[in-house]
Amino acid sequence: MNSHPRHDLVEALNHPVRFSFVAALSGVEALDFASVRDLLEVSDSVLSRQATQLEEQGLIKVKKGYIGKRPRTWFSLTPAGRSSWEKHLSALREIAQGDIDVH
């Protein structure tokens, strides 16, 4: 019997904000903090907390720097993050299609 595709879901991406965060990064090289915050419609503290969790899991890279004298933070997916994103999406598609082999 084949394993159910839910076993291929990436636990870190089961949270809606983290899922949305990684989705936003999946199509770009990098995004700045304010852009991600506004896109996801979350507070600074929520975004910071979720970014920390994704960074600890090795899914995103956080780069800090300055534009002029203003501090800035940018996020990008790591290679492991891109791989995890693809694995998670593939599992979701398989589950949603409903053609799971039960025998």
PDB file of N, CA and C in Angstrom:
ATOM      1  N   MET A   1       0.845  -1.187   0.000  1.00  0.00           N
ATOM      2  CA  MET A   1       0.000   0.000   0.000  1.00  0.00           C
ATOM      3  C   MET A   1       0.887   1.246   0.000  1.00  0.00           C
ATOM      4  N   ASN A   2       0.526   2.218  -0.820  1.00  0.00           N
ATOM      5  CA  ASN A   2       1.271   3.471  -0.879  1.00  0.00           C
ATOM      6  C   ASN A   2       0.980   4.319   0.339  1.00  0.00           C
ATOM      7  N   SER A   3       1.951   5.085   0.735  1.00  0.00           N
ATOM      8  CA  SER A   3       1.799   6.000   1.855  1.00  0.00           C
ATOM      9  C   SER A   3       0.918   7.174   1.437  1.00  0.00           C
ATOM     10  N   HIS A   4       0.060   7.618   2.325  1.00  0.00           N
ATOM     11  CA  HIS A   4      -0.801   8.765   2.029  1.00  0.00           C
ATOM     12  C   HIS A   4       0.067   9.995   1.807  1.00  0.00           C
ATOM     13  N   PRO A   5      -0.260  10.827   0.810  1.00  0.00           N
ATOM     14  CA  PRO A   5       0.570  12.001   0.509  1.00  0.00           C
ATOM     15  C   PRO A   5       0.662  13.012   1.653  1.00  0.00           C
ATOM     16  N   ARG A   6      -0.233  12.947   2.620  1.00  0.00           N
ATOM     17  CA  ARG A   6      -0.138  13.886   3.739  1.00  0.00           C
ATOM     18  C   ARG A   6       1.176  13.719   4.496  1.00  0.00           C
ATOM     19  N   HIS A   7       1.774  12.541   4.383  1.00  0.00           N
ATOM     20  CA  HIS A   7       3.056  12.299   5.045  1.00  0.00           C
ATOM     21  C   HIS A   7       4.189  13.102   4.402  1.00  0.00           C
ATOM     22  N   ASP A   8       3.944  13.616   3.193  1.00  0.00           N
ATOM     23  CA  ASP A   8       4.936  14.429   2.502  1.00  0.00           C
ATOM     24  C   ASP A   8       4.739  15.922   2.747  1.00  0.00           C
ATOM     25  N   LEU A   9       3.686  16.285   3.483  1.00  0.00           N
ATOM     26  CA  LEU A   9       3.498  17.698   3.816  1.00  0.00           C
ATOM     27  C   LEU A   9       4.631  18.146   4.737  1.00  0.00           C
ATOM     28  N   VAL A  10       5.064  19.376   4.540  1.00  0.00           N
ATOM     29  CA  VAL A  10       6.143  19.944   5.353  1.00  0.00           C
ATOM     30  C   VAL A  10       5.499  20.640   6.549  1.00  0.00           C
ATOM     31  N   GLU A  11       5.756  20.120   7.726  1.00  0.00           N
ATOM     32  CA  GLU A  11       5.099  20.608   8.949  1.00  0.00           C
ATOM     33  C   GLU A  11       5.197  22.123   9.098  1.00  0.00           C
ATOM     34  N   ALA A  12       6.348  22.677   8.811  1.00  0.00           N
ATOM     35  CA  ALA A  12       6.547  24.131   8.974  1.00  0.00           C
ATOM     36  C   ALA A  12       5.622  24.944   8.078  1.00  0.00           C
ATOM     37  N   LEU A  13       5.149  24.346   6.998  1.00  0.00           N
ATOM     38  CA  LEU A  13       4.300  25.068   6.045  1.00  0.00           C
ATOM     39  C   LEU A  13       2.809  24.847   6.287  1.00  0.00           C
ATOM     40  N   ASN A  14       2.461  24.128   7.339  1.00  0.00           N
ATOM     41  CA  ASN A  14       1.051  23.909   7.647  1.00  0.00           C
ATOM     42  C   ASN A  14       0.395  25.122   8.300  1.00  0.00           C
ATOM     43  N   HIS A  15       1.187  26.053   8.778  1.00  0.00           N
ATOM     44  CA  HIS A  15       0.656  27.288   9.359  1.00  0.00           C
ATOM     45  C   HIS A  15       0.327  28.253   8.218  1.00  0.00           C
ATOM     46  N   PRO A  16      -0.875  28.839   8.207  1.00  0.00           N
ATOM     47  CA  PRO A  16      -1.287  29.689   7.082  1.00  0.00           C
ATOM     48  C   PRO A  16      -0.357  30.858   6.782  1.00  0.00           C
ATOM     49  N   VAL A  17       0.181  31.508   7.794  1.00  0.00           N
ATOM     50  CA  VAL A  17       1.072  32.645   7.539  1.00  0.00           C
ATOM     51  C   VAL A  17       2.398  32.155   6.965  1.00  0.00           C
ATOM     52  N   ARG A  18       2.948  31.078   7.514  1.00  0.00           N
ATOM     53  CA  ARG A  18       4.209  30.552   6.975  1.00  0.00           C
ATOM     54  C   ARG A  18       4.021  30.035   5.557  1.00  0.00           C
ATOM     55  N   PHE A  19       2.895  29.383   5.301  1.00  0.00           N
ATOM     56  CA  PHE A  19       2.592  28.910   3.950  1.00  0.00           C
ATOM     57  C   PHE A  19       2.547  30.098   2.983  1.00  0.00           C
ATOM     58  N   SER A  20       1.828  31.149   3.366  1.00  0.00           N
ATOM     59  CA  SER A  20       1.697  32.336   2.527  1.00  0.00           C
ATOM     60  C   SER A  20       3.034  33.043   2.350  1.00  0.00           C
ATOM     61  N   PHE A  21       3.832  33.064   3.388  1.00  0.00           N
ATOM     62  CA  PHE A  21       5.151  33.689   3.380  1.00  0.00           C
ATOM     63  C   PHE A  21       6.040  33.001   2.331  1.00  0.00           C
ATOM     64  N   VAL A  22       6.125  31.685   2.420  1.00  0.00           N
ATOM     65  CA  VAL A  22       6.965  30.935   1.488  1.00  0.00           C
ATOM     66  C   VAL A  22       6.399  31.033   0.069  1.00  0.00           C
ATOM     67  N   ALA A  23       5.089  31.031  -0.067  1.00  0.00           N
ATOM     68  CA  ALA A  23       4.475  31.197  -1.392  1.00  0.00           C
ATOM     69  C   ALA A  23       4.896  32.529  -2.013  1.00  0.00           C
ATOM     70  N   ALA A  24       4.893  33.579  -1.207  1.00  0.00           N
ATOM     71  CA  ALA A  24       5.276  34.902  -1.706  1.00  0.00           C
ATOM     72  C   ALA A  24       6.730  34.912  -2.161  1.00  0.00           C
ATOM     73  N   LEU A  25       7.586  34.198  -1.458  1.00  0.00           N
ATOM     74  CA  LEU A  25       9.004  34.171  -1.806  1.00  0.00           C
ATOM     75  C   LEU A  25       9.315  33.228  -2.962  1.00  0.00           C
ATOM     76  N   SER A  26       8.416  32.299  -3.239  1.00  0.00           N
ATOM     77  CA  SER A  26       8.708  31.268  -4.233  1.00  0.00           C
ATOM     78  C   SER A  26       8.871  31.809  -5.647  1.00  0.00           C
ATOM     79  N   GLY A  27       8.257  32.940  -5.940  1.00  0.00           N
ATOM     80  CA  GLY A  27       8.328  33.470  -7.300  1.00  0.00           C
ATOM     81  C   GLY A  27       9.306  34.611  -7.487  1.00  0.00           C
ATOM     82  N   VAL A  28      10.084  34.913  -6.449  1.00  0.00           N
ATOM     83  CA  VAL A  28      11.007  36.052  -6.525  1.00  0.00           C
ATOM     84  C   VAL A  28      12.366  35.657  -5.950  1.00  0.00           C
ATOM     85  N   GLU A  29      13.354  36.487  -6.229  1.00  0.00           N
ATOM     86  CA  GLU A  29      14.678  36.248  -5.650  1.00  0.00           C
ATOM     87  C   GLU A  29      14.691  36.645  -4.177  1.00  0.00           C
ATOM     88  N   ALA A  30      14.065  37.792  -3.856  1.00  0.00           N
ATOM     89  CA  ALA A  30      14.008  38.273  -2.477  1.00  0.00           C
ATOM     90  C   ALA A  30      12.901  39.314  -2.359  1.00  0.00           C
ATOM     91  N   LEU A  31      12.396  39.473  -1.149  1.00  0.00           N
ATOM     92  CA  LEU A  31      11.408  40.512  -0.840  1.00  0.00           C
ATOM     93  C   LEU A  31      11.806  41.189   0.461  1.00  0.00           C
ATOM     94  N   ASP A  32      11.500  42.480   0.556  1.00  0.00           N
ATOM     95  CA  ASP A  32      11.808  43.200   1.790  1.00  0.00           C
ATOM     96  C   ASP A  32      10.686  42.997   2.803  1.00  0.00           C
ATOM     97  N   PHE A  33      11.012  43.270   4.054  1.00  0.00           N
ATOM     98  CA  PHE A  33      10.108  43.052   5.180  1.00  0.00           C
ATOM     99  C   PHE A  33       8.751  43.716   4.953  1.00  0.00           C
ATOM    100  N   ALA A  34       8.761  45.008   4.616  1.00  0.00           N
ATOM    101  CA  ALA A  34       7.510  45.755   4.469  1.00  0.00           C
ATOM    102  C   ALA A  34       6.632  45.168   3.363  1.00  0.00           C
ATOM    103  N   SER A  35       7.245  44.744   2.271  1.00  0.00           N
ATOM    104  CA  SER A  35       6.468  44.160   1.169  1.00  0.00           C
ATOM    105  C   SER A  35       5.790  42.871   1.594  1.00  0.00           C
ATOM    106  N   VAL A  36       6.530  42.018   2.306  1.00  0.00           N
ATOM    107  CA  VAL A  36       5.946  40.750   2.767  1.00  0.00           C
ATOM    108  C   VAL A  36       4.843  41.032   3.788  1.00  0.00           C
ATOM    109  N   ARG A  37       5.113  41.915   4.717  1.00  0.00           N
ATOM    110  CA  ARG A  37       4.121  42.268   5.750  1.00  0.00           C
ATOM    111  C   ARG A  37       2.829  42.759   5.099  1.00  0.00           C
ATOM    112  N   ASP A  38       2.946  43.656   4.144  1.00  0.00           N
ATOM    113  CA  ASP A  38       1.761  44.222   3.500  1.00  0.00           C
ATOM    114  C   ASP A  38       1.041  43.189   2.638  1.00  0.00           C
ATOM    115  N   LEU A  39       1.802  42.366   1.937  1.00  0.00           N
ATOM    116  CA  LEU A  39       1.210  41.330   1.095  1.00  0.00           C
ATOM    117  C   LEU A  39       0.419  40.322   1.931  1.00  0.00           C
ATOM    118  N   LEU A  40       0.979  39.936   3.073  1.00  0.00           N
ATOM    119  CA  LEU A  40       0.338  38.929   3.925  1.00  0.00           C
ATOM    120  C   LEU A  40      -0.694  39.519   4.879  1.00  0.00           C
ATOM    121  N   GLU A  41      -0.710  40.855   4.968  1.00  0.00           N
ATOM    122  CA  GLU A  41      -1.651  41.552   5.843  1.00  0.00           C
ATOM    123  C   GLU A  41      -1.503  41.097   7.296  1.00  0.00           C
ATOM    124  N   VAL A  42      -0.260  41.145   7.781  1.00  0.00           N
ATOM    125  CA  VAL A  42       0.037  40.787   9.166  1.00  0.00           C
ATOM    126  C   VAL A  42       0.801  41.932   9.823  1.00  0.00           C
ATOM    127  N   SER A  43       0.898  41.872  11.136  1.00  0.00           N
ATOM    128  CA  SER A  43       1.649  42.883  11.879  1.00  0.00           C
ATOM    129  C   SER A  43       3.151  42.582  11.789  1.00  0.00           C
ATOM    130  N   ASP A  44       3.947  43.567  12.160  1.00  0.00           N
ATOM    131  CA  ASP A  44       5.397  43.381  12.196  1.00  0.00           C
ATOM    132  C   ASP A  44       5.777  42.218  13.110  1.00  0.00           C
ATOM    133  N   SER A  45       5.132  42.142  14.280  1.00  0.00           N
ATOM    134  CA  SER A  45       5.497  41.098  15.245  1.00  0.00           C
ATOM    135  C   SER A  45       5.143  39.707  14.731  1.00  0.00           C
ATOM    136  N   VAL A  46       4.004  39.568  14.067  1.00  0.00           N
ATOM    137  CA  VAL A  46       3.624  38.262  13.511  1.00  0.00           C
ATOM    138  C   VAL A  46       4.618  37.853  12.430  1.00  0.00           C
ATOM    139  N   LEU A  47       4.950  38.792  11.546  1.00  0.00           N
ATOM    140  CA  LEU A  47       5.898  38.469  10.479  1.00  0.00           C
ATOM    141  C   LEU A  47       7.268  38.110  11.066  1.00  0.00           C
ATOM    142  N   SER A  48       7.727  38.848  12.040  1.00  0.00           N
ATOM    143  CA  SER A  48       9.021  38.554  12.671  1.00  0.00           C
ATOM    144  C   SER A  48       9.041  37.164  13.286  1.00  0.00           C
ATOM    145  N   ARG A  49       7.983  36.818  13.984  1.00  0.00           N
ATOM    146  CA  ARG A  49       7.895  35.512  14.641  1.00  0.00           C
ATOM    147  C   ARG A  49       7.911  34.376  13.604  1.00  0.00           C
ATOM    148  N   GLN A  50       7.140  34.536  12.534  1.00  0.00           N
ATOM    149  CA  GLN A  50       7.076  33.495  11.511  1.00  0.00           C
ATOM    150  C   GLN A  50       8.397  33.411  10.737  1.00  0.00           C
ATOM    151  N   ALA A  51       9.012  34.557  10.494  1.00  0.00           N
ATOM    152  CA  ALA A  51      10.308  34.568   9.804  1.00  0.00           C
ATOM    153  C   ALA A  51      11.356  33.834  10.631  1.00  0.00           C
ATOM    154  N   THR A  52      11.347  34.061  11.935  1.00  0.00           N
ATOM    155  CA  THR A  52      12.299  33.394  12.817  1.00  0.00           C
ATOM    156  C   THR A  52      12.113  31.881  12.746  1.00  0.00           C
ATOM    157  N   GLN A  53      10.877  31.428  12.768  1.00  0.00           N
ATOM    158  CA  GLN A  53      10.621  29.988  12.708  1.00  0.00           C
ATOM    159  C   GLN A  53      11.077  29.395  11.379  1.00  0.00           C
ATOM    160  N   LEU A  54      10.798  30.093  10.281  1.00  0.00           N
ATOM    161  CA  LEU A  54      11.216  29.595   8.967  1.00  0.00           C
ATOM    162  C   LEU A  54      12.734  29.605   8.831  1.00  0.00           C
ATOM    163  N   GLU A  55      13.370  30.631   9.388  1.00  0.00           N
ATOM    164  CA  GLU A  55      14.832  30.705   9.334  1.00  0.00           C
ATOM    165  C   GLU A  55      15.451  29.582  10.167  1.00  0.00           C
ATOM    166  N   GLU A  56      14.905  29.331  11.342  1.00  0.00           N
ATOM    167  CA  GLU A  56      15.417  28.255  12.198  1.00  0.00           C
ATOM    168  C   GLU A  56      15.302  26.888  11.533  1.00  0.00           C
ATOM    169  N   GLN A  57      14.291  26.729  10.698  1.00  0.00           N
ATOM    170  CA  GLN A  57      14.090  25.468   9.977  1.00  0.00           C
ATOM    171  C   GLN A  57      14.945  25.393   8.713  1.00  0.00           C
ATOM    172  N   GLY A  58      15.650  26.479   8.405  1.00  0.00           N
ATOM    173  CA  GLY A  58      16.507  26.506   7.222  1.00  0.00           C
ATOM    174  C   GLY A  58      15.763  26.740   5.919  1.00  0.00           C
ATOM    175  N   LEU A  59      14.517  27.221   6.013  1.00  0.00           N
ATOM    176  CA  LEU A  59      13.716  27.411   4.799  1.00  0.00           C
ATOM    177  C   LEU A  59      13.898  28.784   4.164  1.00  0.00           C
ATOM    178  N   ILE A  60      14.212  29.790   4.968  1.00  0.00           N
ATOM    179  CA  ILE A  60      14.444  31.120   4.421  1.00  0.00           C
ATOM    180  C   ILE A  60      15.766  31.679   4.932  1.00  0.00           C
ATOM    181  N   LYS A  61      16.284  32.629   4.174  1.00  0.00           N
ATOM    182  CA  LYS A  61      17.472  33.370   4.571  1.00  0.00           C
ATOM    183  C   LYS A  61      17.023  34.795   4.885  1.00  0.00           C
ATOM    184  N   VAL A  62      17.519  35.342   5.980  1.00  0.00           N
ATOM    185  CA  VAL A  62      17.211  36.710   6.373  1.00  0.00           C
ATOM    186  C   VAL A  62      18.490  37.531   6.209  1.00  0.00           C
ATOM    187  N   LYS A  63      18.387  38.586   5.427  1.00  0.00           N
ATOM    188  CA  LYS A  63      19.537  39.461   5.192  1.00  0.00           C
ATOM    189  C   LYS A  63      19.195  40.850   5.707  1.00  0.00           C
ATOM    190  N   LYS A  64      20.063  41.369   6.535  1.00  0.00           N
ATOM    191  CA  LYS A  64      19.850  42.715   7.083  1.00  0.00           C
ATOM    192  C   LYS A  64      20.885  43.651   6.490  1.00  0.00           C
ATOM    193  N   GLY A  65      20.458  44.879   6.217  1.00  0.00           N
ATOM    194  CA  GLY A  65      21.359  45.870   5.649  1.00  0.00           C
ATOM    195  C   GLY A  65      20.747  47.243   5.774  1.00  0.00           C
ATOM    196  N   TYR A  66      21.291  48.157   5.020  1.00  0.00           N
ATOM    197  CA  TYR A  66      20.827  49.542   5.058  1.00  0.00           C
ATOM    198  C   TYR A  66      20.594  50.060   3.655  1.00  0.00           C
ATOM    199  N   ILE A  67      19.605  50.914   3.538  1.00  0.00           N
ATOM    200  CA  ILE A  67      19.419  51.749   2.359  1.00  0.00           C
ATOM    201  C   ILE A  67      19.560  53.160   2.894  1.00  0.00           C
ATOM    202  N   GLY A  68      20.672  53.786   2.543  1.00  0.00           N
ATOM    203  CA  GLY A  68      20.992  55.058   3.172  1.00  0.00           C
ATOM    204  C   GLY A  68      21.266  54.786   4.640  1.00  0.00           C
ATOM    205  N   LYS A  69      20.589  55.497   5.503  1.00  0.00           N
ATOM    206  CA  LYS A  69      20.759  55.290   6.948  1.00  0.00           C
ATOM    207  C   LYS A  69      19.633  54.455   7.543  1.00  0.00           C
ATOM    208  N   ARG A  70      18.737  53.978   6.691  1.00  0.00           N
ATOM    209  CA  ARG A  70      17.587  53.222   7.194  1.00  0.00           C
ATOM    210  C   ARG A  70      17.858  51.715   7.153  1.00  0.00           C
ATOM    211  N   PRO A  71      17.650  51.050   8.273  1.00  0.00           N
ATOM    212  CA  PRO A  71      17.843  49.590   8.287  1.00  0.00           C
ATOM    213  C   PRO A  71      16.751  48.896   7.472  1.00  0.00           C
ATOM    214  N   ARG A  72      17.147  47.835   6.793  1.00  0.00           N
ATOM    215  CA  ARG A  72      16.205  47.057   5.991  1.00  0.00           C
ATOM    216  C   ARG A  72      16.454  45.568   6.208  1.00  0.00           C
ATOM    217  N   THR A  73      15.402  44.787   6.034  1.00  0.00           N
ATOM    218  CA  THR A  73      15.488  43.328   6.130  1.00  0.00           C
ATOM    219  C   THR A  73      14.898  42.741   4.856  1.00  0.00           C
ATOM    220  N   TRP A  74      15.617  41.774   4.270  1.00  0.00           N
ATOM    221  CA  TRP A  74      15.141  41.083   3.080  1.00  0.00           C
ATOM    222  C   TRP A  74      15.058  39.595   3.381  1.00  0.00           C
ATOM    223  N   PHE A  75      14.110  38.952   2.740  1.00  0.00           N
ATOM    224  CA  PHE A  75      13.923  37.512   2.887  1.00  0.00           C
ATOM    225  C   PHE A  75      14.077  36.842   1.534  1.00  0.00           C
ATOM    226  N   SER A  76      14.643  35.646   1.536  1.00  0.00           N
ATOM    227  CA  SER A  76      14.703  34.830   0.330  1.00  0.00           C
ATOM    228  C   SER A  76      14.612  33.363   0.744  1.00  0.00           C
ATOM    229  N   LEU A  77      14.182  32.531  -0.186  1.00  0.00           N
ATOM    230  CA  LEU A  77      14.132  31.094   0.082  1.00  0.00           C
ATOM    231  C   LEU A  77      15.524  30.504  -0.050  1.00  0.00           C
ATOM    232  N   THR A  78      15.847  29.585   0.806  1.00  0.00           N
ATOM    233  CA  THR A  78      17.076  28.813   0.677  1.00  0.00           C
ATOM    234  C   THR A  78      16.809  27.691  -0.337  1.00  0.00           C
ATOM    235  N   PRO A  79      17.842  27.025  -0.824  1.00  0.00           N
ATOM    236  CA  PRO A  79      17.592  25.853  -1.686  1.00  0.00           C
ATOM    237  C   PRO A  79      16.709  24.813  -0.985  1.00  0.00           C
ATOM    238  N   ALA A  80      16.940  24.596   0.303  1.00  0.00           N
ATOM    239  CA  ALA A  80      16.100  23.656   1.063  1.00  0.00           C
ATOM    240  C   ALA A  80      14.663  24.166   1.145  1.00  0.00           C
ATOM    241  N   GLY A  81      14.506  25.475   1.257  1.00  0.00           N
ATOM    242  CA  GLY A  81      13.170  26.070   1.296  1.00  0.00           C
ATOM    243  C   GLY A  81      12.423  25.862  -0.009  1.00  0.00           C
ATOM    244  N   ARG A  82      13.111  26.051  -1.123  1.00  0.00           N
ATOM    245  CA  ARG A  82      12.478  25.826  -2.442  1.00  0.00           C
ATOM    246  C   ARG A  82      12.085  24.364  -2.603  1.00  0.00           C
ATOM    247  N   SER A  83      12.959  23.483  -2.193  1.00  0.00           N
ATOM    248  CA  SER A  83      12.682  22.049  -2.278  1.00  0.00           C
ATOM    249  C   SER A  83      11.489  21.671  -1.391  1.00  0.00           C
ATOM    250  N   SER A  84      11.468  22.196  -0.175  1.00  0.00           N
ATOM    251  CA  SER A  84      10.358  21.921   0.747  1.00  0.00           C
ATOM    252  C   SER A  84       9.053  22.466   0.196  1.00  0.00           C
ATOM    253  N   TRP A  85       9.094  23.644  -0.398  1.00  0.00           N
ATOM    254  CA  TRP A  85       7.898  24.248  -0.990  1.00  0.00           C
ATOM    255  C   TRP A  85       7.347  23.339  -2.088  1.00  0.00           C
ATOM    256  N   GLU A  86       8.212  22.873  -2.982  1.00  0.00           N
ATOM    257  CA  GLU A  86       7.770  22.004  -4.075  1.00  0.00           C
ATOM    258  C   GLU A  86       7.207  20.685  -3.547  1.00  0.00           C
ATOM    259  N   LYS A  87       7.858  20.122  -2.537  1.00  0.00           N
ATOM    260  CA  LYS A  87       7.383  18.873  -1.938  1.00  0.00           C
ATOM    261  C   LYS A  87       6.002  19.072  -1.315  1.00  0.00           C
ATOM    262  N   HIS A  88       5.828  20.178  -0.594  1.00  0.00           N
ATOM    263  CA  HIS A  88       4.560  20.479   0.065  1.00  0.00           C
ATOM    264  C   HIS A  88       3.450  20.670  -0.969  1.00  0.00           C
ATOM    265  N   LEU A  89       3.738  21.456  -2.013  1.00  0.00           N
ATOM    266  CA  LEU A  89       2.727  21.682  -3.056  1.00  0.00           C
ATOM    267  C   LEU A  89       2.353  20.392  -3.771  1.00  0.00           C
ATOM    268  N   SER A  90       3.333  19.573  -4.042  1.00  0.00           N
ATOM    269  CA  SER A  90       3.076  18.302  -4.705  1.00  0.00           C
ATOM    270  C   SER A  90       2.148  17.426  -3.854  1.00  0.00           C
ATOM    271  N   ALA A  91       2.400  17.373  -2.567  1.00  0.00           N
ATOM    272  CA  ALA A  91       1.549  16.588  -1.665  1.00  0.00           C
ATOM    273  C   ALA A  91       0.129  17.159  -1.627  1.00  0.00           C
ATOM    274  N   LEU A  92       0.017  18.490  -1.559  1.00  0.00           N
ATOM    275  CA  LEU A  92      -1.315  19.117  -1.552  1.00  0.00           C
ATOM    276  C   LEU A  92      -2.079  18.798  -2.836  1.00  0.00           C
ATOM    277  N   ARG A  93      -1.393  18.876  -3.967  1.00  0.00           N
ATOM    278  CA  ARG A  93      -2.043  18.566  -5.255  1.00  0.00           C
ATOM    279  C   ARG A  93      -2.534  17.125  -5.284  1.00  0.00           C
ATOM    280  N   GLU A  94      -1.693  16.218  -4.805  1.00  0.00           N
ATOM    281  CA  GLU A  94      -2.057  14.810  -4.806  1.00  0.00           C
ATOM    282  C   GLU A  94      -3.269  14.551  -3.908  1.00  0.00           C
ATOM    283  N   ILE A  95      -3.278  15.194  -2.744  1.00  0.00           N
ATOM    284  CA  ILE A  95      -4.415  15.051  -1.843  1.00  0.00           C
ATOM    285  C   ILE A  95      -5.669  15.637  -2.484  1.00  0.00           C
ATOM    286  N   ALA A  96      -5.545  16.825  -3.066  1.00  0.00           N
ATOM    287  CA  ALA A  96      -6.705  17.520  -3.645  1.00  0.00           C
ATOM    288  C   ALA A  96      -7.277  16.768  -4.842  1.00  0.00           C
ATOM    289  N   GLN A  97      -6.434  16.090  -5.599  1.00  0.00           N
ATOM    290  CA  GLN A  97      -6.916  15.343  -6.762  1.00  0.00           C
ATOM    291  C   GLN A  97      -7.717  14.116  -6.344  1.00  0.00           C
ATOM    292  N   GLY A  98      -7.479  13.652  -5.144  1.00  0.00           N
ATOM    293  CA  GLY A  98      -8.289  12.563  -4.608  1.00  0.00           C
ATOM    294  C   GLY A  98      -8.099  11.215  -5.252  1.00  0.00           C
ATOM    295  N   ASP A  99      -7.086  11.053  -6.100  1.00  0.00           N
ATOM    296  CA  ASP A  99      -6.894   9.770  -6.760  1.00  0.00           C
ATOM    297  C   ASP A  99      -5.803   8.954  -6.070  1.00  0.00           C
ATOM    298  N   ILE A 100      -5.920   8.883  -4.769  1.00  0.00           N
ATOM    299  CA  ILE A 100      -4.941   8.160  -3.952  1.00  0.00           C
ATOM    300  C   ILE A 100      -5.243   6.670  -4.029  1.00  0.00           C
ATOM    301  N   ASP A 101      -4.203   5.895  -4.284  1.00  0.00           N
ATOM    302  CA  ASP A 101      -4.346   4.436  -4.368  1.00  0.00           C
ATOM    303  C   ASP A 101      -4.523   3.868  -2.970  1.00  0.00           C
ATOM    304  N   VAL A 102      -5.675   3.279  -2.725  1.00  0.00           N
ATOM    305  CA  VAL A 102      -5.957   2.721  -1.393  1.00  0.00           C
ATOM    306  C   VAL A 102      -5.716   1.226  -1.308  1.00  0.00           C
ATOM    307  N   HIS A 103      -5.302   0.637  -2.401  1.00  0.00           N
ATOM    308  CA  HIS A 103      -5.048  -0.826  -2.386  1.00  0.00           C
ATOM    309  C   HIS A 103      -3.600  -1.123  -2.595  1.00  0.00           C
TER     310      HIS A 103
END
